[in-house]
């Protein structure tokens, strides 16, 4: 799955990891592939599956809206 680097930087900053955000900004490409760049993500203390859960959910039924839909109509 591909995630914009900016989303990862925002996540790190929201967790108070400014140093990791700076490192990620230098090392990660603009579009991060969670499989291809798993080593870099791991080096930054990020697990690809966690990123997918936190950032990926759009359109695939994941994330808070997917859970809400499942509770309401699923």
Protein backbone atom coordinates (compact mmCIF):
# COMPACT_ATOMS: atom_id res chain seq x y z
CA UNK A 1 0.00 0.00 0.00
CA UNK A 2 1.25 3.50 -0.78
CA UNK A 3 1.05 6.31 1.77
CA UNK A 4 2.07 9.94 1.29
CA UNK A 5 5.20 10.80 3.23
CA UNK A 6 3.41 13.88 4.61
CA UNK A 7 0.86 11.66 6.36
CA UNK A 8 3.66 9.73 8.05
CA UNK A 9 5.38 12.97 9.08
CA UNK A 10 2.13 14.30 10.55
CA UNK A 11 1.62 11.08 12.48
CA UNK A 12 5.13 11.19 13.93
CA UNK A 13 4.76 14.85 14.90
CA UNK A 14 1.38 14.22 16.51
CA UNK A 15 3.08 11.59 18.66
CA UNK A 16 5.76 14.10 19.68
CA UNK A 17 8.47 12.35 17.62
CA UNK A 18 9.91 15.45 15.93
CA UNK A 19 13.37 13.89 15.60
CA UNK A 20 11.92 10.83 13.85
CA UNK A 21 9.81 13.08 11.66
CA UNK A 22 12.94 14.96 10.55
CA UNK A 23 14.73 11.68 9.87
CA UNK A 24 11.73 10.34 7.93
CA UNK A 25 11.57 13.54 5.89
CA UNK A 26 15.19 13.01 4.80
CA UNK A 27 15.03 9.27 4.15
CA UNK A 28 11.56 8.45 2.85
CA UNK A 29 10.39 9.06 -0.73
CA UNK A 30 7.30 11.18 -1.44
CA UNK A 31 5.17 8.05 -1.80
CA UNK A 32 5.99 5.35 0.71
CA UNK A 33 5.21 1.76 -0.24
CA UNK A 34 4.62 -0.14 3.00
CA UNK A 35 6.11 -3.34 1.55
CA UNK A 36 9.01 -1.91 -0.42
CA UNK A 37 10.06 0.52 2.33
CA UNK A 38 9.33 -1.74 5.32
CA UNK A 39 13.00 -1.64 6.36
CA UNK A 40 13.10 2.15 6.43
CA UNK A 41 9.82 2.30 8.31
CA UNK A 42 11.06 -0.21 10.85
CA UNK A 43 14.23 1.83 11.32
CA UNK A 44 11.97 4.75 12.25
CA UNK A 45 10.06 2.61 14.73
CA UNK A 46 7.01 2.29 12.48
CA UNK A 47 5.30 -0.98 11.66
CA UNK A 48 3.77 -1.10 8.16
CA UNK A 49 0.58 -2.77 9.41
CA UNK A 50 0.11 -0.09 12.07
CA UNK A 51 0.50 2.61 9.44
CA UNK A 52 -2.08 0.93 7.23
CA UNK A 53 -4.50 0.78 10.16
CA UNK A 54 -3.89 4.38 11.20
CA UNK A 55 -3.52 6.04 7.80
CA UNK A 56 -4.72 3.63 5.16
CA UNK A 57 -8.38 3.03 5.72
CA UNK A 58 -9.70 5.30 2.94
CA UNK A 59 -12.07 3.62 0.46
CA UNK A 60 -11.31 0.13 1.71
CA UNK A 61 -13.87 0.15 4.50
CA UNK A 62 -11.21 0.62 7.16
CA UNK A 63 -10.69 3.35 9.68
CA UNK A 64 -13.31 4.89 11.94
CA UNK A 65 -15.92 5.27 9.20
CA UNK A 66 -15.63 1.62 8.25
CA UNK A 67 -16.10 0.58 11.86
CA UNK A 68 -19.05 2.94 12.27
CA UNK A 69 -20.66 1.62 9.11
CA UNK A 70 -20.22 -1.91 10.36
CA UNK A 71 -21.93 -1.05 13.63
CA UNK A 72 -24.80 0.80 12.00
CA UNK A 73 -25.60 -1.13 8.90
CA UNK A 74 -23.34 -4.09 8.66
